[in-house]
Amino acid sequence: GGSAVPKWKAQSESLRSAMENMRQVKAALARGEDIRNIAFDAPAEELDDRVPCPYCGRKFAQLTADRHIPHCKNTQAKPNFLKAGARTGAPLRR
């Protein structure tokens, strides 16, 4: 077995932590305390093991990226809606 925590377990622990933080907020509000003074547990970093495509910016699993990236490099008509910050919608008519 590996030492890495399974994805489902990390997500479960993150949810449990958020629920515990919310309980602390509700308890503080019930006591009339200022909720800005509550020290929360820091959320765990979310693991994203997907590989971004350098051409279209989409993310893929390693095996899928190995297939996708060579094809995407040769694609002539790249869809603009996939590029971050690209204009969306129909072109303006003049």
N, C-alpha and C. Protein backbone atom coordinates (compact mmCIF):
# COMPACT_ATOMS: atom_id res chain seq x y z
N GLY A 1 0.82 -1.20 0.00
CA GLY A 1 0.00 0.00 0.00
C GLY A 1 0.85 1.25 0.00
N GLY A 2 0.34 2.32 -0.61
CA GLY A 2 1.05 3.59 -0.65
C GLY A 2 0.77 4.41 0.60
N SER A 3 1.60 5.41 0.82
CA SER A 3 1.43 6.25 1.99
C SER A 3 0.48 7.41 1.72
N ALA A 4 0.09 7.62 0.46
CA ALA A 4 -0.80 8.73 0.11
C ALA A 4 -2.22 8.44 0.60
N VAL A 5 -2.90 9.49 1.04
CA VAL A 5 -4.28 9.37 1.51
C VAL A 5 -5.17 9.27 0.27
N PRO A 6 -6.12 8.33 0.24
CA PRO A 6 -7.03 8.24 -0.91
C PRO A 6 -7.83 9.52 -1.08
N LYS A 7 -8.19 9.83 -2.34
CA LYS A 7 -8.90 11.08 -2.65
C LYS A 7 -10.19 11.19 -1.85
N TRP A 8 -10.96 10.09 -1.75
CA TRP A 8 -12.24 10.15 -1.04
C TRP A 8 -12.03 10.48 0.43
N LYS A 9 -10.93 9.97 1.00
CA LYS A 9 -10.68 10.22 2.43
C LYS A 9 -10.27 11.68 2.66
N ALA A 10 -9.46 12.23 1.75
CA ALA A 10 -9.06 13.63 1.86
C ALA A 10 -10.29 14.54 1.75
N GLN A 11 -11.19 14.21 0.80
CA GLN A 11 -12.41 15.00 0.64
C GLN A 11 -13.29 14.90 1.87
N SER A 12 -13.38 13.69 2.45
CA SER A 12 -14.19 13.48 3.64
C SER A 12 -13.64 14.29 4.81
N GLU A 13 -12.31 14.26 4.99
CA GLU A 13 -11.70 15.01 6.09
C GLU A 13 -11.89 16.51 5.90
N SER A 14 -11.82 16.97 4.64
CA SER A 14 -12.04 18.39 4.36
C SER A 14 -13.46 18.80 4.72
N LEU A 15 -14.44 17.96 4.36
CA LEU A 15 -15.84 18.24 4.69
C LEU A 15 -16.05 18.24 6.19
N ARG A 16 -15.49 17.26 6.88
CA ARG A 16 -15.64 17.20 8.33
C ARG A 16 -15.03 18.42 9.01
N SER A 17 -13.89 18.87 8.50
CA SER A 17 -13.23 20.06 9.06
C SER A 17 -14.11 21.30 8.86
N ALA A 18 -14.69 21.43 7.66
CA ALA A 18 -15.57 22.58 7.39
C ALA A 18 -16.79 22.55 8.29
N MET A 19 -17.34 21.34 8.51
CA MET A 19 -18.51 21.22 9.39
C MET A 19 -18.15 21.60 10.83
N GLU A 20 -16.98 21.18 11.28
CA GLU A 20 -16.54 21.52 12.64
C GLU A 20 -16.34 23.04 12.77
N ASN A 21 -15.76 23.66 11.74
CA ASN A 21 -15.58 25.12 11.76
C ASN A 21 -16.92 25.83 11.84
N MET A 22 -17.92 25.31 11.11
CA MET A 22 -19.25 25.93 11.14
C MET A 22 -19.89 25.77 12.52
N ARG A 23 -19.67 24.62 13.16
CA ARG A 23 -20.19 24.43 14.53
C ARG A 23 -19.58 25.47 15.47
N GLN A 24 -18.28 25.75 15.30
CA GLN A 24 -17.62 26.75 16.15
C GLN A 24 -18.23 28.13 15.93
N VAL A 25 -18.54 28.45 14.67
CA VAL A 25 -19.15 29.75 14.36
C VAL A 25 -20.52 29.85 15.01
N LYS A 26 -21.35 28.81 14.85
CA LYS A 26 -22.70 28.83 15.43
C LYS A 26 -22.65 28.95 16.95
N ALA A 27 -21.71 28.22 17.58
CA ALA A 27 -21.58 28.28 19.04
C ALA A 27 -21.16 29.68 19.48
N ALA A 28 -20.23 30.29 18.75
CA ALA A 28 -19.77 31.63 19.10
C ALA A 28 -20.90 32.65 18.94
N LEU A 29 -21.69 32.50 17.87
CA LEU A 29 -22.82 33.41 17.68
C LEU A 29 -23.85 33.25 18.79
N ALA A 30 -24.08 32.01 19.21
CA ALA A 30 -25.04 31.76 20.29
C ALA A 30 -24.57 32.39 21.60
N ARG A 31 -23.25 32.43 21.81
CA ARG A 31 -22.71 33.05 23.03
C ARG A 31 -22.56 34.56 22.87
N GLY A 32 -22.79 35.08 21.66
CA GLY A 32 -22.67 36.52 21.42
C GLY A 32 -21.24 36.98 21.22
N GLU A 33 -20.35 36.07 20.84
CA GLU A 33 -18.95 36.42 20.62
C GLU A 33 -18.74 36.92 19.19
N ASP A 34 -17.61 37.59 18.99
CA ASP A 34 -17.23 38.06 17.66
C ASP A 34 -16.59 36.89 16.91
N ILE A 35 -17.19 36.50 15.78
CA ILE A 35 -16.69 35.31 15.07
C ILE A 35 -15.36 35.57 14.36
N ARG A 36 -14.94 36.84 14.27
CA ARG A 36 -13.64 37.12 13.64
C ARG A 36 -12.48 36.64 14.50
N ASN A 37 -12.74 36.35 15.77
CA ASN A 37 -11.67 35.92 16.68
C ASN A 37 -11.49 34.40 16.72
N ILE A 38 -12.28 33.67 15.94
CA ILE A 38 -12.18 32.21 15.96
C ILE A 38 -10.99 31.77 15.12
N ALA A 39 -10.18 30.87 15.68
CA ALA A 39 -9.03 30.31 14.95
C ALA A 39 -9.47 28.99 14.31
N PHE A 40 -9.52 28.97 12.99
CA PHE A 40 -9.95 27.76 12.28
C PHE A 40 -8.74 26.91 11.92
N ASP A 41 -9.02 25.61 11.72
CA ASP A 41 -7.99 24.74 11.18
C ASP A 41 -7.79 25.12 9.71
N ALA A 42 -6.54 25.17 9.27
CA ALA A 42 -6.25 25.51 7.87
C ALA A 42 -6.75 24.39 6.97
N PRO A 43 -7.43 24.74 5.88
CA PRO A 43 -7.88 23.68 4.96
C PRO A 43 -6.69 23.00 4.29
N ALA A 44 -6.81 21.71 4.08
CA ALA A 44 -5.73 20.96 3.43
C ALA A 44 -5.66 21.36 1.97
N GLU A 45 -4.45 21.33 1.42
CA GLU A 45 -4.28 21.62 0.00
C GLU A 45 -4.95 20.53 -0.82
N GLU A 46 -5.68 20.94 -1.83
CA GLU A 46 -6.37 19.96 -2.67
C GLU A 46 -5.40 19.43 -3.71
N LEU A 47 -5.35 18.12 -3.84
CA LEU A 47 -4.43 17.47 -4.76
C LEU A 47 -5.08 17.37 -6.13
N ASP A 48 -4.44 17.97 -7.14
CA ASP A 48 -4.91 17.85 -8.52
C ASP A 48 -3.78 17.25 -9.31
N ASP A 49 -3.88 15.96 -9.61
CA ASP A 49 -2.79 15.28 -10.29
C ASP A 49 -2.99 15.25 -11.80
N ARG A 50 -3.91 16.09 -12.30
CA ARG A 50 -4.13 16.14 -13.74
C ARG A 50 -3.05 16.99 -14.40
N VAL A 51 -2.80 16.71 -15.68
CA VAL A 51 -1.75 17.39 -16.45
C VAL A 51 -2.42 18.41 -17.36
N PRO A 52 -2.03 19.71 -17.29
CA PRO A 52 -2.63 20.70 -18.19
C PRO A 52 -2.02 20.60 -19.59
N CYS A 53 -2.87 20.77 -20.61
CA CYS A 53 -2.40 20.79 -21.99
C CYS A 53 -1.82 22.17 -22.26
N PRO A 54 -0.58 22.27 -22.78
CA PRO A 54 0.02 23.59 -23.03
C PRO A 54 -0.65 24.33 -24.19
N TYR A 55 -1.45 23.64 -25.01
CA TYR A 55 -2.04 24.27 -26.18
C TYR A 55 -3.45 24.78 -25.92
N CYS A 56 -4.29 24.01 -25.20
CA CYS A 56 -5.67 24.45 -25.00
C CYS A 56 -5.97 24.74 -23.53
N GLY A 57 -5.08 24.33 -22.60
CA GLY A 57 -5.27 24.64 -21.19
C GLY A 57 -6.14 23.66 -20.43
N ARG A 58 -6.73 22.67 -21.14
CA ARG A 58 -7.56 21.70 -20.45
C ARG A 58 -6.67 20.75 -19.65
N LYS A 59 -7.26 20.11 -18.64
CA LYS A 59 -6.50 19.20 -17.78
C LYS A 59 -6.94 17.76 -18.02
N PHE A 60 -5.96 16.86 -18.02
CA PHE A 60 -6.22 15.46 -18.29
C PHE A 60 -5.44 14.58 -17.34
N ALA A 61 -5.90 13.33 -17.17
CA ALA A 61 -5.11 12.32 -16.48
C ALA A 61 -3.86 12.05 -17.32
N GLN A 62 -2.82 11.53 -16.71
CA GLN A 62 -1.54 11.38 -17.40
C GLN A 62 -1.67 10.60 -18.72
N LEU A 63 -2.32 9.45 -18.69
CA LEU A 63 -2.44 8.64 -19.91
C LEU A 63 -3.23 9.37 -20.99
N THR A 64 -4.30 10.05 -20.58
CA THR A 64 -5.12 10.79 -21.53
C THR A 64 -4.34 11.97 -22.10
N ALA A 65 -3.56 12.63 -21.27
CA ALA A 65 -2.76 13.77 -21.73
C ALA A 65 -1.72 13.31 -22.75
N ASP A 66 -1.15 12.14 -22.52
CA ASP A 66 -0.16 11.61 -23.47
C ASP A 66 -0.77 11.42 -24.85
N ARG A 67 -2.07 11.07 -24.89
CA ARG A 67 -2.74 10.92 -26.19
C ARG A 67 -3.19 12.27 -26.74
N HIS A 68 -3.70 13.14 -25.87
CA HIS A 68 -4.33 14.39 -26.30
C HIS A 68 -3.32 15.42 -26.81
N ILE A 69 -2.24 15.64 -26.09
CA ILE A 69 -1.33 16.75 -26.38
C ILE A 69 -0.76 16.70 -27.79
N PRO A 70 -0.28 15.54 -28.29
CA PRO A 70 0.22 15.52 -29.68
C PRO A 70 -0.87 15.88 -30.70
N HIS A 71 -2.11 15.46 -30.46
CA HIS A 71 -3.20 15.79 -31.38
C HIS A 71 -3.53 17.28 -31.30
N CYS A 72 -3.57 17.82 -30.09
CA CYS A 72 -3.95 19.22 -29.89
C CYS A 72 -2.90 20.15 -30.51
N LYS A 73 -1.64 19.74 -30.48
CA LYS A 73 -0.56 20.55 -31.04
C LYS A 73 -0.80 20.76 -32.54
N ASN A 74 -1.35 19.75 -33.22
CA ASN A 74 -1.56 19.82 -34.66
C ASN A 74 -2.94 20.32 -35.06
N THR A 75 -3.79 20.63 -34.09
CA THR A 75 -5.14 21.08 -34.40
C THR A 75 -5.09 22.51 -34.95
N GLN A 76 -5.69 22.69 -36.13
CA GLN A 76 -5.68 24.01 -36.76
C GLN A 76 -6.70 24.94 -36.11
N ALA A 77 -7.92 24.46 -35.95
CA ALA A 77 -9.02 25.29 -35.43
C ALA A 77 -9.20 25.02 -33.95
N LYS A 78 -8.47 25.73 -33.13
CA LYS A 78 -8.60 25.55 -31.69
C LYS A 78 -9.85 26.28 -31.22
N PRO A 79 -10.66 25.63 -30.38
CA PRO A 79 -11.86 26.32 -29.88
C PRO A 79 -11.48 27.45 -28.94
N ASN A 80 -11.95 28.67 -29.24
CA ASN A 80 -11.58 29.83 -28.43
C ASN A 80 -12.20 29.79 -27.04
N PHE A 81 -13.37 29.15 -26.90
CA PHE A 81 -14.04 29.18 -25.60
C PHE A 81 -13.27 28.40 -24.55
N LEU A 82 -12.29 27.60 -24.94
CA LEU A 82 -11.51 26.85 -23.96
C LEU A 82 -10.35 27.66 -23.41
N LYS A 83 -9.95 28.71 -24.12
CA LYS A 83 -8.81 29.50 -23.67
C LYS A 83 -9.27 30.48 -22.59
N ALA A 84 -8.50 30.58 -21.54
CA ALA A 84 -8.86 31.45 -20.43
C ALA A 84 -8.90 32.90 -20.89
N GLY A 85 -9.97 33.60 -20.52
CA GLY A 85 -10.08 35.02 -20.84
C GLY A 85 -10.51 35.31 -22.25
N ALA A 86 -10.82 34.28 -23.04
CA ALA A 86 -11.23 34.50 -24.42
C ALA A 86 -12.66 35.05 -24.46
N ARG A 87 -12.95 35.84 -25.49
CA ARG A 87 -14.32 36.35 -25.66
C ARG A 87 -15.24 35.20 -25.98
N THR A 88 -16.43 35.24 -25.44
CA THR A 88 -17.42 34.21 -25.74
C THR A 88 -18.58 34.83 -26.48
N GLY A 89 -19.34 34.02 -27.16
CA GLY A 89 -20.51 34.51 -27.85
C GLY A 89 -20.25 34.69 -29.34
N ALA A 90 -21.29 35.12 -30.04
CA ALA A 90 -21.21 35.29 -31.48
C ALA A 90 -20.40 36.54 -31.81
N PRO A 91 -19.74 36.52 -32.98
CA PRO A 91 -19.00 37.73 -33.39
C PRO A 91 -19.95 38.89 -33.65
N LEU A 92 -19.46 40.09 -33.47
CA LEU A 92 -20.29 41.28 -33.67
C LEU A 92 -20.53 41.50 -35.15
N ARG A 93 -21.76 41.86 -35.52
CA ARG A 93 -22.08 42.16 -36.91
C ARG A 93 -22.00 43.68 -37.11
N ARG A 94 -21.48 44.06 -38.27
CA ARG A 94 -21.37 45.50 -38.54
C ARG A 94 -22.06 45.83 -39.82
